[in-house]
Amino acid sequence: MKKIKLIAMTVLSGLVFSCSSSDDGATTSGELTGKWYYKEYKVAGETIPYGGHEACGKDYIQLNADGTGANVDVFSCVEDPALFTYTRSGNSVTITSDGQSDTAQITELSSTTLKVKRSYDFDGDGNDEFVIEVYTRS
């Protein structure tokens, strides 16, 4: 789950800067700064709800306008932030954390929804899958 969060964090961090529209007609011009809560993953036509939330708090990604951010895991009702930095080029976002960088593609960004697309071994079978990670903001 930490690897998935690092990937998601990487994707989201770079989104703070301006966005343009994506290829499928979805808008990517919304505001990115703030808290984005994990919602679900879309893999091979299947929607998988995010299962890491606790009753006392939700995991989220905090994006700051200065190119810094935090992937916040709520564990035993305590927030555990993993800090990162990010850069953005067009709709590509690269996040760097603990000396590792990862890049993702913004596919949708509105006032309440953020979707990013990446390729990685989501199910642990040794093969990469295209994954759309979905986040919400209230």
C-alpha atoms as a PDB file:
ATOM      1  CA  MET A   1       0.000   0.000   0.000  1.00  0.00           C
ATOM      2  CA  LYS A   2       2.912   2.388   0.717  1.00  0.00           C
ATOM      3  CA  LYS A   3       4.170   1.906  -2.880  1.00  0.00           C
ATOM      4  CA  ILE A   4       0.730   2.779  -4.215  1.00  0.00           C
ATOM      5  CA  LYS A   5       0.646   5.880  -2.033  1.00  0.00           C
ATOM      6  CA  LEU A   6       4.133   6.928  -3.199  1.00  0.00           C
ATOM      7  CA  ILE A   7       2.999   6.608  -6.787  1.00  0.00           C
ATOM      8  CA  ALA A   8      -0.176   8.530  -6.125  1.00  0.00           C
ATOM      9  CA  MET A   9       1.744  11.130  -4.217  1.00  0.00           C
ATOM     10  CA  THR A  10       4.108  11.502  -7.144  1.00  0.00           C
ATOM     11  CA  VAL A  11       1.287  12.031  -9.541  1.00  0.00           C
ATOM     12  CA  LEU A  12      -0.601  14.506  -7.437  1.00  0.00           C
ATOM     13  CA  SER A  13       2.249  16.666  -6.286  1.00  0.00           C
ATOM     14  CA  GLY A  14       3.048  18.137  -9.653  1.00  0.00           C
ATOM     15  CA  LEU A  15      -0.514  19.060 -10.345  1.00  0.00           C
ATOM     16  CA  VAL A  16      -0.394  22.301  -8.403  1.00  0.00           C
ATOM     17  CA  PHE A  17       0.587  24.274 -11.456  1.00  0.00           C
ATOM     18  CA  SER A  18      -1.771  25.200 -14.292  1.00  0.00           C
ATOM     19  CA  CYS A  19      -3.513  22.491 -16.272  1.00  0.00           C
ATOM     20  CA  SER A  20      -4.832  22.112 -19.798  1.00  0.00           C
ATOM     21  CA  SER A  21      -7.531  19.822 -21.133  1.00  0.00           C
ATOM     22  CA  SER A  22      -6.888  16.098 -21.515  1.00  0.00           C
ATOM     23  CA  ASP A  23      -7.311  13.982 -24.661  1.00  0.00           C
ATOM     24  CA  ASP A  24     -10.673  12.488 -23.600  1.00  0.00           C
ATOM     25  CA  GLY A  25     -12.424  15.860 -23.209  1.00  0.00           C
ATOM     26  CA  ALA A  26     -12.291  15.887 -19.389  1.00  0.00           C
ATOM     27  CA  THR A  27     -11.162  19.155 -17.896  1.00  0.00           C
ATOM     28  CA  THR A  28      -7.803  19.516 -16.174  1.00  0.00           C
ATOM     29  CA  SER A  29      -8.154  23.202 -15.344  1.00  0.00           C
ATOM     30  CA  GLY A  30      -9.274  22.969 -11.710  1.00  0.00           C
ATOM     31  CA  GLU A  31      -7.348  24.097  -8.632  1.00  0.00           C
ATOM     32  CA  LEU A  32      -4.936  21.472  -7.343  1.00  0.00           C
ATOM     33  CA  THR A  33      -3.651  22.860  -4.066  1.00  0.00           C
ATOM     34  CA  GLY A  34      -5.191  21.527  -0.864  1.00  0.00           C
ATOM     35  CA  LYS A  35      -6.220  18.097   0.427  1.00  0.00           C
ATOM     36  CA  TRP A  36      -7.088  15.251  -1.944  1.00  0.00           C
ATOM     37  CA  TYR A  37      -8.581  12.131  -0.352  1.00  0.00           C
ATOM     38  CA  TYR A  38      -8.001   8.676  -1.801  1.00  0.00           C
ATOM     39  CA  LYS A  39     -11.218   7.326  -3.372  1.00  0.00           C
ATOM     40  CA  GLU A  40     -10.607   4.439  -5.786  1.00  0.00           C
ATOM     41  CA  TYR A  41      -8.492   2.811  -8.475  1.00  0.00           C
ATOM     42  CA  LYS A  42      -9.581   1.844 -11.986  1.00  0.00           C
ATOM     43  CA  VAL A  43      -7.650  -1.124 -13.371  1.00  0.00           C
ATOM     44  CA  ALA A  44      -8.494  -3.232 -16.442  1.00  0.00           C
ATOM     45  CA  GLY A  45     -12.073  -1.943 -16.499  1.00  0.00           C
ATOM     46  CA  GLU A  46     -12.619  -2.682 -12.816  1.00  0.00           C
ATOM     47  CA  THR A  47     -13.190  -0.063 -10.084  1.00  0.00           C
ATOM     48  CA  ILE A  48     -11.513  -0.892  -6.779  1.00  0.00           C
ATOM     49  CA  PRO A  49     -12.458   1.265  -3.758  1.00  0.00           C
ATOM     50  CA  TYR A  50      -9.588   2.586  -1.654  1.00  0.00           C
ATOM     51  CA  GLY A  51      -9.521   0.457   1.480  1.00  0.00           C
ATOM     52  CA  GLY A  52      -6.999   2.264   3.678  1.00  0.00           C
ATOM     53  CA  HIS A  53      -9.265   4.739   5.486  1.00  0.00           C
ATOM     54  CA  GLU A  54      -9.891   4.396   9.214  1.00  0.00           C
ATOM     55  CA  ALA A  55     -13.061   5.342  11.081  1.00  0.00           C
ATOM     56  CA  CYS A  56     -11.138   8.147  12.812  1.00  0.00           C
ATOM     57  CA  GLY A  57      -9.625   9.703   9.658  1.00  0.00           C
ATOM     58  CA  LYS A  58      -8.977   9.432   5.930  1.00  0.00           C
ATOM     59  CA  ASP A  59      -5.640   9.122   4.135  1.00  0.00           C
ATOM     60  CA  TYR A  60      -4.935  12.063   1.858  1.00  0.00           C
ATOM     61  CA  ILE A  61      -2.398  13.956  -0.195  1.00  0.00           C
ATOM     62  CA  GLN A  62      -1.686  17.583   0.717  1.00  0.00           C
ATOM     63  CA  LEU A  63      -0.449  19.716  -2.190  1.00  0.00           C
ATOM     64  CA  ASN A  64       1.168  23.067  -1.533  1.00  0.00           C
ATOM     65  CA  ALA A  65       1.653  25.909  -4.002  1.00  0.00           C
ATOM     66  CA  ASP A  66       5.422  26.001  -3.340  1.00  0.00           C
ATOM     67  CA  GLY A  67       6.119  22.575  -4.912  1.00  0.00           C
ATOM     68  CA  THR A  68       6.099  20.652  -1.639  1.00  0.00           C
ATOM     69  CA  GLY A  69       3.543  18.233  -0.322  1.00  0.00           C
ATOM     70  CA  ALA A  70       2.798  15.340   1.973  1.00  0.00           C
ATOM     71  CA  ASN A  71       1.233  11.942   1.555  1.00  0.00           C
ATOM     72  CA  VAL A  72      -0.612  11.536   4.847  1.00  0.00           C
ATOM     73  CA  ASP A  73      -1.404   8.059   6.153  1.00  0.00           C
ATOM     74  CA  VAL A  74      -3.815   7.924   9.087  1.00  0.00           C
ATOM     75  CA  PHE A  75      -2.673   4.936  11.141  1.00  0.00           C
ATOM     76  CA  SER A  76      -4.148   4.147  14.568  1.00  0.00           C
ATOM     77  CA  CYS A  77      -5.823   7.572  14.416  1.00  0.00           C
ATOM     78  CA  VAL A  78      -2.463   9.370  14.069  1.00  0.00           C
ATOM     79  CA  GLU A  79      -1.439  11.214  10.902  1.00  0.00           C
ATOM     80  CA  ASP A  80       1.899   9.989   9.504  1.00  0.00           C
ATOM     81  CA  PRO A  81       3.067  12.377   6.734  1.00  0.00           C
ATOM     82  CA  ALA A  82       5.600  11.382   4.071  1.00  0.00           C
ATOM     83  CA  LEU A  83       7.048  14.589   2.593  1.00  0.00           C
ATOM     84  CA  PHE A  84       7.860  15.078  -1.096  1.00  0.00           C
ATOM     85  CA  THR A  85       8.631  17.663  -3.756  1.00  0.00           C
ATOM     86  CA  TYR A  86       7.252  17.813  -7.282  1.00  0.00           C
ATOM     87  CA  THR A  87       7.642  19.349 -10.715  1.00  0.00           C
ATOM     88  CA  ARG A  88       5.224  19.576 -13.572  1.00  0.00           C
ATOM     89  CA  SER A  89       5.631  19.736 -17.337  1.00  0.00           C
ATOM     90  CA  GLY A  90       2.343  19.986 -19.229  1.00  0.00           C
ATOM     91  CA  ASN A  91       0.081  17.243 -17.859  1.00  0.00           C
ATOM     92  CA  SER A  92       3.032  15.156 -16.646  1.00  0.00           C
ATOM     93  CA  VAL A  93       3.856  15.300 -12.963  1.00  0.00           C
ATOM     94  CA  THR A  94       7.059  14.055 -11.380  1.00  0.00           C
ATOM     95  CA  ILE A  95       7.204  13.558  -7.624  1.00  0.00           C
ATOM     96  CA  THR A  96      10.410  12.961  -5.728  1.00  0.00           C
ATOM     97  CA  SER A  97      10.447  11.337  -2.303  1.00  0.00           C
ATOM     98  CA  ASP A  98      13.324   9.644  -0.467  1.00  0.00           C
ATOM     99  CA  GLY A  99      15.541   9.985  -3.558  1.00  0.00           C
ATOM    100  CA  GLN A 100      13.055   8.214  -5.844  1.00  0.00           C
ATOM    101  CA  SER A 101      11.174   9.944  -8.652  1.00  0.00           C
ATOM    102  CA  ASP A 102       7.989   8.848 -10.366  1.00  0.00           C
ATOM    103  CA  THR A 103       5.956  10.388 -13.194  1.00  0.00           C
ATOM    104  CA  ALA A 104       2.220  10.234 -13.931  1.00  0.00           C
ATOM    105  CA  GLN A 105      -0.310  11.762 -16.360  1.00  0.00           C
ATOM    106  CA  ILE A 106      -3.186  14.037 -15.244  1.00  0.00           C
ATOM    107  CA  THR A 107      -6.388  12.893 -16.952  1.00  0.00           C
ATOM    108  CA  GLU A 108      -8.973  14.942 -15.041  1.00  0.00           C
ATOM    109  CA  LEU A 109      -8.887  17.823 -12.578  1.00  0.00           C
ATOM    110  CA  SER A 110     -12.002  19.649 -11.403  1.00  0.00           C
ATOM    111  CA  SER A 111     -12.971  21.376  -8.175  1.00  0.00           C
ATOM    112  CA  THR A 112     -13.906  18.013  -6.583  1.00  0.00           C
ATOM    113  CA  THR A 113     -12.196  15.254  -8.608  1.00  0.00           C
ATOM    114  CA  LEU A 114      -8.624  14.435  -9.522  1.00  0.00           C
ATOM    115  CA  LYS A 115      -7.663  11.495 -11.761  1.00  0.00           C
ATOM    116  CA  VAL A 116      -4.133  10.506 -12.654  1.00  0.00           C
ATOM    117  CA  LYS A 117      -2.920   7.658 -14.853  1.00  0.00           C
ATOM    118  CA  ARG A 118       0.186   5.576 -14.258  1.00  0.00           C
ATOM    119  CA  SER A 119       1.618   2.237 -15.228  1.00  0.00           C
ATOM    120  CA  TYR A 120       2.874  -0.002 -12.417  1.00  0.00           C
ATOM    121  CA  ASP A 121       2.428  -3.483 -10.940  1.00  0.00           C
ATOM    122  CA  PHE A 122      -0.809  -2.763  -9.089  1.00  0.00           C
ATOM    123  CA  ASP A 123      -1.719  -6.375  -8.237  1.00  0.00           C
ATOM    124  CA  GLY A 124       1.781  -7.712  -7.485  1.00  0.00           C
ATOM    125  CA  ASP A 125       1.767 -10.282 -10.311  1.00  0.00           C
ATOM    126  CA  GLY A 126       5.024  -9.012 -11.851  1.00  0.00           C
ATOM    127  CA  ASN A 127       3.285  -7.260 -14.783  1.00  0.00           C
ATOM    128  CA  ASP A 128       2.536  -3.553 -15.008  1.00  0.00           C
ATOM    129  CA  GLU A 129      -1.066  -2.407 -15.396  1.00  0.00           C
ATOM    130  CA  PHE A 130      -2.421   0.990 -16.428  1.00  0.00           C
ATOM    131  CA  VAL A 131      -4.009   2.412 -13.288  1.00  0.00           C
ATOM    132  CA  ILE A 132      -6.242   5.453 -12.930  1.00  0.00           C
ATOM    133  CA  GLU A 133      -6.091   6.748  -9.375  1.00  0.00           C
ATOM    134  CA  VAL A 134      -9.137   8.773  -8.290  1.00  0.00           C
ATOM    135  CA  TYR A 135      -9.117  11.371  -5.503  1.00  0.00           C
ATOM    136  CA  THR A 136     -11.846  13.625  -4.140  1.00  0.00           C
ATOM    137  CA  ARG A 137     -11.964  16.917  -2.328  1.00  0.00           C
ATOM    138  CA  SER A 138     -14.846  18.039  -0.152  1.00  0.00           C
END
